[in-house]
Amino acid sequence: MLATKPHVRLGVNIDHVATVRNARGSAYPDPIRAAIMAEEAGADGITAHLREDRRHISDADIEGLMEALKGPLNFEMAATAEMQEIALRHKPHAVCIVPEKREERTTEGGLDVAQDENRLAHFIAPLREAGCRVSIFIAADARQIEAANRIGAQVVELHTGGYCDAQAEGRDADMQTELTALREMASFAHSLGLEVHAGHGLTYDNVGPVAAFPELVELNIGHFLIGEAIFRGLTPAIAEMRRLIDEART
């Protein structure tokens, strides 16, 4: 009988439902409706990134999600006073601190915790005191993982973008290098007592090797699932990702 590793939580990021809504300036498609459907389809949590420029998720969306969700909300945000105030008002289950540049189309890399350690330590302390699980979105780099541990983060989310880009572009050697770094750093973070998550750019074609990391607790996936929902529907798109993740754990 094959051994099965512990269940990996699937967090579904609904930002791009709001992107489509905002492109037309209408009230639909509704990201809150998408979040409820995602929960019903097997998502273990919902992720939403409230950007400083409000380009997709809005303040009203966060309020609506806090009221409507049965499961946890992972609130992605930059390390700014405004976002800290919003997080402390709503007290979501999880807060993920991410780097943010106004000119970027999506989050381009991990947070440089080592460069800003003292400020970030003071920034996350009130969030932890409020009962939020604090996660830091970082590259698979030992220096950043050690810094995240020192400032008191409970979770690190490893940026899988380099691995996913290499896989999509057929750069097999680079893909293996990136995957090895992710695997080794997942193990290293776990050894420090940090909970290990991963995300960015994951698809049906590349999720398996990452989902198989024994230390991995959660994957956060958004853009691909919202895109795939155009063709399959949101519920079947999430169900297939759930199946692939579970398959990788066997």
C-alpha atoms as a PDB file:
ATOM      1  CA  MET A   1       0.000   0.000   0.000  1.00  0.00           C
ATOM      2  CA  LEU A   2       1.397   3.414  -1.013  1.00  0.00           C
ATOM      3  CA  ALA A   3       2.099   5.931   1.739  1.00  0.00           C
ATOM      4  CA  THR A   4       0.344   9.294   1.494  1.00  0.00           C
ATOM      5  CA  LYS A   5       1.924  12.538   2.695  1.00  0.00           C
ATOM      6  CA  PRO A   6      -0.225  14.976   4.685  1.00  0.00           C
ATOM      7  CA  HIS A   7      -2.880  16.932   2.791  1.00  0.00           C
ATOM      8  CA  VAL A   8      -1.652  20.149   1.149  1.00  0.00           C
ATOM      9  CA  ARG A   9      -4.026  23.069   1.513  1.00  0.00           C
ATOM     10  CA  LEU A  10      -5.054  24.810  -1.707  1.00  0.00           C
ATOM     11  CA  GLY A  11      -5.538  28.546  -1.480  1.00  0.00           C
ATOM     12  CA  VAL A  12      -7.301  30.067  -4.491  1.00  0.00           C
ATOM     13  CA  ASN A  13      -6.371  33.646  -5.359  1.00  0.00           C
ATOM     14  CA  ILE A  14      -9.370  35.565  -6.731  1.00  0.00           C
ATOM     15  CA  ASP A  15      -7.557  38.795  -7.694  1.00  0.00           C
ATOM     16  CA  HIS A  16      -8.045  38.311 -11.425  1.00  0.00           C
ATOM     17  CA  VAL A  17     -11.797  37.997 -11.139  1.00  0.00           C
ATOM     18  CA  ALA A  18     -11.644  41.565  -9.850  1.00  0.00           C
ATOM     19  CA  THR A  19      -9.247  42.475 -12.676  1.00  0.00           C
ATOM     20  CA  VAL A  20     -11.878  41.453 -15.258  1.00  0.00           C
ATOM     21  CA  ARG A  21     -14.597  43.313 -13.357  1.00  0.00           C
ATOM     22  CA  ASN A  22     -12.550  46.499 -13.125  1.00  0.00           C
ATOM     23  CA  ALA A  23     -11.572  46.413 -16.805  1.00  0.00           C
ATOM     24  CA  ARG A  24     -15.209  47.081 -17.666  1.00  0.00           C
ATOM     25  CA  GLY A  25     -16.021  49.206 -14.627  1.00  0.00           C
ATOM     26  CA  SER A  26     -19.019  47.030 -13.824  1.00  0.00           C
ATOM     27  CA  ALA A  27     -20.196  45.096 -10.787  1.00  0.00           C
ATOM     28  CA  TYR A  28     -19.394  41.716 -12.336  1.00  0.00           C
ATOM     29  CA  PRO A  29     -17.832  39.239 -12.339  1.00  0.00           C
ATOM     30  CA  ASP A  30     -18.051  39.342  -8.560  1.00  0.00           C
ATOM     31  CA  PRO A  31     -14.884  38.116  -6.784  1.00  0.00           C
ATOM     32  CA  ILE A  32     -16.879  37.302  -3.654  1.00  0.00           C
ATOM     33  CA  ARG A  33     -19.126  34.972  -5.640  1.00  0.00           C
ATOM     34  CA  ALA A  34     -15.990  33.393  -7.109  1.00  0.00           C
ATOM     35  CA  ALA A  35     -14.559  32.917  -3.620  1.00  0.00           C
ATOM     36  CA  ILE A  36     -17.695  31.169  -2.395  1.00  0.00           C
ATOM     37  CA  MET A  37     -17.680  28.904  -5.452  1.00  0.00           C
ATOM     38  CA  ALA A  38     -13.982  28.149  -4.878  1.00  0.00           C
ATOM     39  CA  GLU A  39     -14.704  27.067  -1.310  1.00  0.00           C
ATOM     40  CA  GLU A  40     -17.521  24.828  -2.524  1.00  0.00           C
ATOM     41  CA  ALA A  41     -15.167  23.347  -5.161  1.00  0.00           C
ATOM     42  CA  GLY A  42     -12.630  22.275  -2.539  1.00  0.00           C
ATOM     43  CA  ALA A  43     -10.412  25.275  -1.904  1.00  0.00           C
ATOM     44  CA  ASP A  44      -9.066  25.278   1.650  1.00  0.00           C
ATOM     45  CA  GLY A  45      -8.758  29.046   1.717  1.00  0.00           C
ATOM     46  CA  ILE A  46      -9.068  32.221  -0.343  1.00  0.00           C
ATOM     47  CA  THR A  47      -6.259  34.639  -1.132  1.00  0.00           C
ATOM     48  CA  ALA A  48      -6.813  38.288  -2.061  1.00  0.00           C
ATOM     49  CA  HIS A  49      -4.180  41.000  -2.567  1.00  0.00           C
ATOM     50  CA  LEU A  50      -5.309  44.522  -1.709  1.00  0.00           C
ATOM     51  CA  ARG A  51      -2.841  46.642  -3.634  1.00  0.00           C
ATOM     52  CA  GLU A  52      -2.066  50.248  -2.771  1.00  0.00           C
ATOM     53  CA  ASP A  53      -3.483  51.399  -6.129  1.00  0.00           C
ATOM     54  CA  ARG A  54      -6.582  49.138  -5.787  1.00  0.00           C
ATOM     55  CA  ARG A  55      -6.078  47.876  -9.338  1.00  0.00           C
ATOM     56  CA  HIS A  56      -8.151  44.749  -8.719  1.00  0.00           C
ATOM     57  CA  ILE A  57      -9.335  43.860  -5.201  1.00  0.00           C
ATOM     58  CA  SER A  58     -11.088  46.738  -3.433  1.00  0.00           C
ATOM     59  CA  ASP A  59     -11.651  47.592   0.211  1.00  0.00           C
ATOM     60  CA  ALA A  60     -15.289  46.601  -0.213  1.00  0.00           C
ATOM     61  CA  ASP A  61     -14.175  43.211  -1.550  1.00  0.00           C
ATOM     62  CA  ILE A  62     -12.161  42.564   1.612  1.00  0.00           C
ATOM     63  CA  GLU A  63     -15.133  43.519   3.777  1.00  0.00           C
ATOM     64  CA  GLY A  64     -17.398  41.251   1.747  1.00  0.00           C
ATOM     65  CA  LEU A  65     -14.976  38.342   1.897  1.00  0.00           C
ATOM     66  CA  MET A  66     -14.641  38.604   5.660  1.00  0.00           C
ATOM     67  CA  GLU A  67     -18.434  38.382   5.947  1.00  0.00           C
ATOM     68  CA  ALA A  68     -19.070  35.705   3.320  1.00  0.00           C
ATOM     69  CA  LEU A  69     -16.265  33.167   3.674  1.00  0.00           C
ATOM     70  CA  LYS A  70     -16.646  30.025   5.741  1.00  0.00           C
ATOM     71  CA  GLY A  71     -12.931  29.251   5.571  1.00  0.00           C
ATOM     72  CA  PRO A  72      -9.805  31.375   6.070  1.00  0.00           C
ATOM     73  CA  LEU A  73      -8.865  34.513   4.151  1.00  0.00           C
ATOM     74  CA  ASN A  74      -5.207  35.009   3.286  1.00  0.00           C
ATOM     75  CA  PHE A  75      -4.833  38.780   3.000  1.00  0.00           C
ATOM     76  CA  GLU A  76      -1.851  39.684   0.810  1.00  0.00           C
ATOM     77  CA  MET A  77      -0.494  43.174   1.343  1.00  0.00           C
ATOM     78  CA  ALA A  78       2.514  45.443   1.212  1.00  0.00           C
ATOM     79  CA  ALA A  79       4.254  46.423   4.444  1.00  0.00           C
ATOM     80  CA  THR A  80       2.676  49.879   4.689  1.00  0.00           C
ATOM     81  CA  ALA A  81       0.924  51.665   7.527  1.00  0.00           C
ATOM     82  CA  GLU A  82      -2.310  51.829   5.527  1.00  0.00           C
ATOM     83  CA  MET A  83      -2.384  48.090   4.916  1.00  0.00           C
ATOM     84  CA  GLN A  84      -1.463  47.303   8.501  1.00  0.00           C
ATOM     85  CA  GLU A  85      -4.406  49.396   9.688  1.00  0.00           C
ATOM     86  CA  ILE A  86      -6.787  47.563   7.348  1.00  0.00           C
ATOM     87  CA  ALA A  87      -5.485  44.162   8.459  1.00  0.00           C
ATOM     88  CA  LEU A  88      -5.804  45.073  12.125  1.00  0.00           C
ATOM     89  CA  ARG A  89      -9.380  46.239  11.557  1.00  0.00           C
ATOM     90  CA  HIS A  90     -10.475  43.029   9.828  1.00  0.00           C
ATOM     91  CA  LYS A  91      -8.151  40.529  11.541  1.00  0.00           C
ATOM     92  CA  PRO A  92      -8.078  37.944   8.726  1.00  0.00           C
ATOM     93  CA  HIS A  93      -6.862  34.439   9.479  1.00  0.00           C
ATOM     94  CA  ALA A  94      -3.604  35.062   7.619  1.00  0.00           C
ATOM     95  CA  VAL A  95      -1.623  38.051   6.424  1.00  0.00           C
ATOM     96  CA  CYS A  96       1.012  37.536   3.725  1.00  0.00           C
ATOM     97  CA  ILE A  97       3.533  40.353   3.349  1.00  0.00           C
ATOM     98  CA  VAL A  98       4.591  40.797  -0.274  1.00  0.00           C
ATOM     99  CA  PRO A  99       6.771  43.286  -2.172  1.00  0.00           C
ATOM    100  CA  GLU A 100       4.824  45.712  -4.288  1.00  0.00           C
ATOM    101  CA  LYS A 101       5.777  48.069  -7.118  1.00  0.00           C
ATOM    102  CA  ARG A 102       3.128  50.158  -8.820  1.00  0.00           C
ATOM    103  CA  GLU A 103       4.529  49.563 -12.300  1.00  0.00           C
ATOM    104  CA  GLU A 104       4.544  45.751 -12.074  1.00  0.00           C
ATOM    105  CA  ARG A 105       1.772  43.643 -13.613  1.00  0.00           C
ATOM    106  CA  THR A 106       2.155  40.957 -10.962  1.00  0.00           C
ATOM    107  CA  THR A 107       4.404  40.356  -7.954  1.00  0.00           C
ATOM    108  CA  GLU A 108       7.824  39.985  -9.546  1.00  0.00           C
ATOM    109  CA  GLY A 109       9.910  38.546  -6.725  1.00  0.00           C
ATOM    110  CA  GLY A 110      10.202  37.829  -3.053  1.00  0.00           C
ATOM    111  CA  LEU A 111      10.441  40.364  -0.256  1.00  0.00           C
ATOM    112  CA  ASP A 112      13.978  41.344   0.767  1.00  0.00           C
ATOM    113  CA  VAL A 113      13.533  40.639   4.462  1.00  0.00           C
ATOM    114  CA  ALA A 114      17.257  40.650   5.237  1.00  0.00           C
ATOM    115  CA  GLN A 115      17.569  44.222   3.928  1.00  0.00           C
ATOM    116  CA  ASP A 116      14.648  45.527   6.000  1.00  0.00           C
ATOM    117  CA  GLU A 117      14.705  43.237   9.009  1.00  0.00           C
ATOM    118  CA  ASN A 118      14.245  45.720  11.847  1.00  0.00           C
ATOM    119  CA  ARG A 119      11.319  47.579  10.269  1.00  0.00           C
ATOM    120  CA  LEU A 120       9.539  44.371   9.270  1.00  0.00           C
ATOM    121  CA  ALA A 121       9.955  42.888  12.764  1.00  0.00           C
ATOM    122  CA  HIS A 122       8.159  45.887  14.250  1.00  0.00           C
ATOM    123  CA  PHE A 123       5.611  45.895  11.431  1.00  0.00           C
ATOM    124  CA  ILE A 124       4.414  42.317  11.901  1.00  0.00           C
ATOM    125  CA  ALA A 125       4.398  42.300  15.710  1.00  0.00           C
ATOM    126  CA  PRO A 126       0.933  43.950  16.042  1.00  0.00           C
ATOM    127  CA  LEU A 127      -0.457  41.600  13.392  1.00  0.00           C
ATOM    128  CA  ARG A 128       0.681  38.568  15.344  1.00  0.00           C
ATOM    129  CA  GLU A 129      -0.688  40.070  18.564  1.00  0.00           C
ATOM    130  CA  ALA A 130      -4.055  40.507  16.814  1.00  0.00           C
ATOM    131  CA  GLY A 131      -4.137  36.785  16.065  1.00  0.00           C
ATOM    132  CA  CYS A 132      -3.197  36.865  12.377  1.00  0.00           C
ATOM    133  CA  ARG A 133      -0.893  34.159  11.046  1.00  0.00           C
ATOM    134  CA  VAL A 134       1.942  36.123   9.440  1.00  0.00           C
ATOM    135  CA  SER A 135       3.502  34.847   6.233  1.00  0.00           C
ATOM    136  CA  ILE A 136       6.383  36.352   4.255  1.00  0.00           C
ATOM    137  CA  PHE A 137       6.599  35.896   0.479  1.00  0.00           C
ATOM    138  CA  ILE A 138      10.275  35.298  -0.313  1.00  0.00           C
ATOM    139  CA  ALA A 139      12.686  33.739  -2.766  1.00  0.00           C
ATOM    140  CA  ALA A 140      14.051  30.269  -2.047  1.00  0.00           C
ATOM    141  CA  ASP A 141      17.127  31.721  -0.377  1.00  0.00           C
ATOM    142  CA  ALA A 142      18.590  30.700   2.979  1.00  0.00           C
ATOM    143  CA  ARG A 143      19.464  34.285   3.945  1.00  0.00           C
ATOM    144  CA  GLN A 144      15.882  35.434   3.460  1.00  0.00           C
ATOM    145  CA  ILE A 145      14.444  32.418   5.270  1.00  0.00           C
ATOM    146  CA  GLU A 146      16.716  33.023   8.264  1.00  0.00           C
ATOM    147  CA  ALA A 147      15.688  36.689   8.339  1.00  0.00           C
ATOM    148  CA  ALA A 148      11.986  35.782   8.139  1.00  0.00           C
ATOM    149  CA  ASN A 149      12.478  33.447  11.084  1.00  0.00           C
ATOM    150  CA  ARG A 150      14.285  36.109  13.119  1.00  0.00           C
ATOM    151  CA  ILE A 151      11.571  38.741  12.665  1.00  0.00           C
ATOM    152  CA  GLY A 152       8.913  36.374  13.999  1.00  0.00           C
ATOM    153  CA  ALA A 153       7.069  35.220  10.880  1.00  0.00           C
ATOM    154  CA  GLN A 154       5.218  31.948  11.350  1.00  0.00           C
ATOM    155  CA  VAL A 155       5.138  31.086   7.641  1.00  0.00           C
ATOM    156  CA  VAL A 156       7.279  31.541   4.548  1.00  0.00           C
ATOM    157  CA  GLU A 157       5.735  31.346   1.094  1.00  0.00           C
ATOM    158  CA  LEU A 158       8.388  30.416  -1.460  1.00  0.00           C
ATOM    159  CA  HIS A 159       8.211  32.229  -4.795  1.00  0.00           C
ATOM    160  CA  THR A 160       7.905  29.570  -7.517  1.00  0.00           C
ATOM    161  CA  GLY A 161       7.976  31.986 -10.459  1.00  0.00           C
ATOM    162  CA  GLY A 162      11.511  31.195 -11.632  1.00  0.00           C
ATOM    163  CA  TYR A 163      10.773  27.477 -11.713  1.00  0.00           C
ATOM    164  CA  CYS A 164       7.468  27.997 -13.539  1.00  0.00           C
ATOM    165  CA  ASP A 165       8.974  30.355 -16.117  1.00  0.00           C
ATOM    166  CA  ALA A 166      11.778  27.911 -16.879  1.00  0.00           C
ATOM    167  CA  GLN A 167       9.301  25.063 -17.262  1.00  0.00           C
ATOM    168  CA  ALA A 168       7.049  27.077 -19.584  1.00  0.00           C
ATOM    169  CA  GLU A 169      10.007  28.166 -21.740  1.00  0.00           C
ATOM    170  CA  GLY A 170      11.493  24.685 -22.017  1.00  0.00           C
ATOM    171  CA  ARG A 171      14.690  25.581 -20.143  1.00  0.00           C
ATOM    172  CA  ASP A 172      15.009  22.168 -18.531  1.00  0.00           C
ATOM    173  CA  ALA A 173      18.373  22.692 -16.809  1.00  0.00           C
ATOM    174  CA  ASP A 174      17.213  25.972 -15.267  1.00  0.00           C
ATOM    175  CA  MET A 175      13.935  24.353 -14.250  1.00  0.00           C
ATOM    176  CA  GLN A 176      15.771  21.601 -12.390  1.00  0.00           C
ATOM    177  CA  THR A 177      18.065  24.135 -10.711  1.00  0.00           C
ATOM    178  CA  GLU A 178      15.091  26.193  -9.541  1.00  0.00           C
ATOM    179  CA  LEU A 179      13.215  23.104  -8.376  1.00  0.00           C
ATOM    180  CA  THR A 180      16.216  21.869  -6.409  1.00  0.00           C
ATOM    181  CA  ALA A 181      16.561  25.244  -4.688  1.00  0.00           C
ATOM    182  CA  LEU A 182      12.868  25.246  -3.793  1.00  0.00           C
ATOM    183  CA  ARG A 183      13.078  21.698  -2.434  1.00  0.00           C
ATOM    184  CA  GLU A 184      16.186  22.402  -0.351  1.00  0.00           C
ATOM    185  CA  MET A 185      14.849  25.679   1.021  1.00  0.00           C
ATOM    186  CA  ALA A 186      11.502  24.107   1.893  1.00  0.00           C
ATOM    187  CA  SER A 187      13.426  21.586   3.974  1.00  0.00           C
ATOM    188  CA  PHE A 188      15.592  24.307   5.509  1.00  0.00           C
ATOM    189  CA  ALA A 189      12.626  26.500   6.451  1.00  0.00           C
ATOM    190  CA  HIS A 190      10.873  23.513   7.979  1.00  0.00           C
ATOM    191  CA  SER A 191      13.970  22.727  10.033  1.00  0.00           C
ATOM    192  CA  LEU A 192      13.728  26.215  11.584  1.00  0.00           C
ATOM    193  CA  GLY A 193      10.143  25.579  12.623  1.00  0.00           C
ATOM    194  CA  LEU A 194       8.551  27.673   9.870  1.00  0.00           C
ATOM    195  CA  GLU A 195       5.419  26.555   8.067  1.00  0.00           C
ATOM    196  CA  VAL A 196       6.163  26.238   4.337  1.00  0.00           C
ATOM    197  CA  HIS A 197       3.884  27.503   1.570  1.00  0.00           C
ATOM    198  CA  ALA A 198       4.578  28.106  -2.122  1.00  0.00           C
ATOM    199  CA  GLY A 199       3.031  29.903  -5.055  1.00  0.00           C
ATOM    200  CA  HIS A 200       3.294  32.018  -8.221  1.00  0.00           C
ATOM    201  CA  GLY A 201       2.865  30.779 -11.769  1.00  0.00           C
ATOM    202  CA  LEU A 202       1.772  27.242 -10.890  1.00  0.00           C
ATOM    203  CA  THR A 203      -0.263  25.322 -13.492  1.00  0.00           C
ATOM    204  CA  TYR A 204      -1.507  21.800 -14.068  1.00  0.00           C
ATOM    205  CA  ASP A 205       1.766  21.046 -15.868  1.00  0.00           C
ATOM    206  CA  ASN A 206       4.190  22.135 -13.142  1.00  0.00           C
ATOM    207  CA  VAL A 207       2.384  21.869  -9.798  1.00  0.00           C
ATOM    208  CA  GLY A 208       3.179  18.190  -9.140  1.00  0.00           C
ATOM    209  CA  PRO A 209       6.903  18.405  -8.287  1.00  0.00           C
ATOM    210  CA  VAL A 210       6.310  21.295  -5.879  1.00  0.00           C
ATOM    211  CA  ALA A 211       3.239  19.709  -4.280  1.00  0.00           C
ATOM    212  CA  ALA A 212       5.369  16.627  -3.617  1.00  0.00           C
ATOM    213  CA  PHE A 213       7.720  18.436  -1.196  1.00  0.00           C
ATOM    214  CA  PRO A 214       7.080  16.646   2.108  1.00  0.00           C
ATOM    215  CA  GLU A 215       7.434  19.876   4.107  1.00  0.00           C
ATOM    216  CA  LEU A 216       4.876  21.778   2.034  1.00  0.00           C
ATOM    217  CA  VAL A 217       1.662  22.772   3.831  1.00  0.00           C
ATOM    218  CA  GLU A 218      -0.078  25.119   1.389  1.00  0.00           C
ATOM    219  CA  LEU A 219      -0.101  26.193  -2.256  1.00  0.00           C
ATOM    220  CA  ASN A 220      -1.610  29.496  -3.382  1.00  0.00           C
ATOM    221  CA  ILE A 221      -2.721  29.544  -7.022  1.00  0.00           C
ATOM    222  CA  GLY A 222      -4.764  32.182  -8.822  1.00  0.00           C
ATOM    223  CA  HIS A 223      -4.103  33.482 -12.313  1.00  0.00           C
ATOM    224  CA  PHE A 224      -3.951  30.064 -13.971  1.00  0.00           C
ATOM    225  CA  LEU A 225      -7.143  28.846 -12.304  1.00  0.00           C
ATOM    226  CA  ILE A 226      -9.116  31.964 -13.203  1.00  0.00           C
ATOM    227  CA  GLY A 227      -7.868  31.665 -16.784  1.00  0.00           C
ATOM    228  CA  GLU A 228      -8.671  27.956 -16.963  1.00  0.00           C
ATOM    229  CA  ALA A 229     -12.146  28.690 -15.631  1.00  0.00           C
ATOM    230  CA  ILE A 230     -12.942  30.399 -18.942  1.00  0.00           C
ATOM    231  CA  PHE A 231     -12.691  27.017 -20.633  1.00  0.00           C
ATOM    232  CA  ARG A 232     -13.704  24.521 -17.935  1.00  0.00           C
ATOM    233  CA  GLY A 233     -15.697  26.556 -15.457  1.00  0.00           C
ATOM    234  CA  LEU A 234     -14.329  27.543 -12.057  1.00  0.00           C
ATOM    235  CA  THR A 235     -15.475  24.459 -10.153  1.00  0.00           C
ATOM    236  CA  PRO A 236     -13.959  21.898 -12.579  1.00  0.00           C
ATOM    237  CA  ALA A 237     -10.755  23.968 -12.873  1.00  0.00           C
ATOM    238  CA  ILE A 238     -10.237  23.917  -9.104  1.00  0.00           C
ATOM    239  CA  ALA A 239     -11.256  20.266  -8.821  1.00  0.00           C
ATOM    240  CA  GLU A 240      -8.596  19.266 -11.344  1.00  0.00           C
ATOM    241  CA  MET A 241      -5.901  21.240  -9.501  1.00  0.00           C
ATOM    242  CA  ARG A 242      -7.006  19.607  -6.244  1.00  0.00           C
ATOM    243  CA  ARG A 243      -6.735  16.198  -7.899  1.00  0.00           C
ATOM    244  CA  LEU A 244      -3.215  16.865  -9.203  1.00  0.00           C
ATOM    245  CA  ILE A 245      -2.004  18.131  -5.843  1.00  0.00           C
ATOM    246  CA  ASP A 246      -3.421  15.103  -4.045  1.00  0.00           C
ATOM    247  CA  GLU A 247      -1.916  12.789  -6.659  1.00  0.00           C
ATOM    248  CA  ALA A 248       1.515  14.310  -6.080  1.00  0.00           C
ATOM    249  CA  ARG A 249       1.261  13.492  -2.358  1.00  0.00           C
ATOM    250  CA  THR A 250       0.924   9.759  -2.975  1.00  0.00           C
END
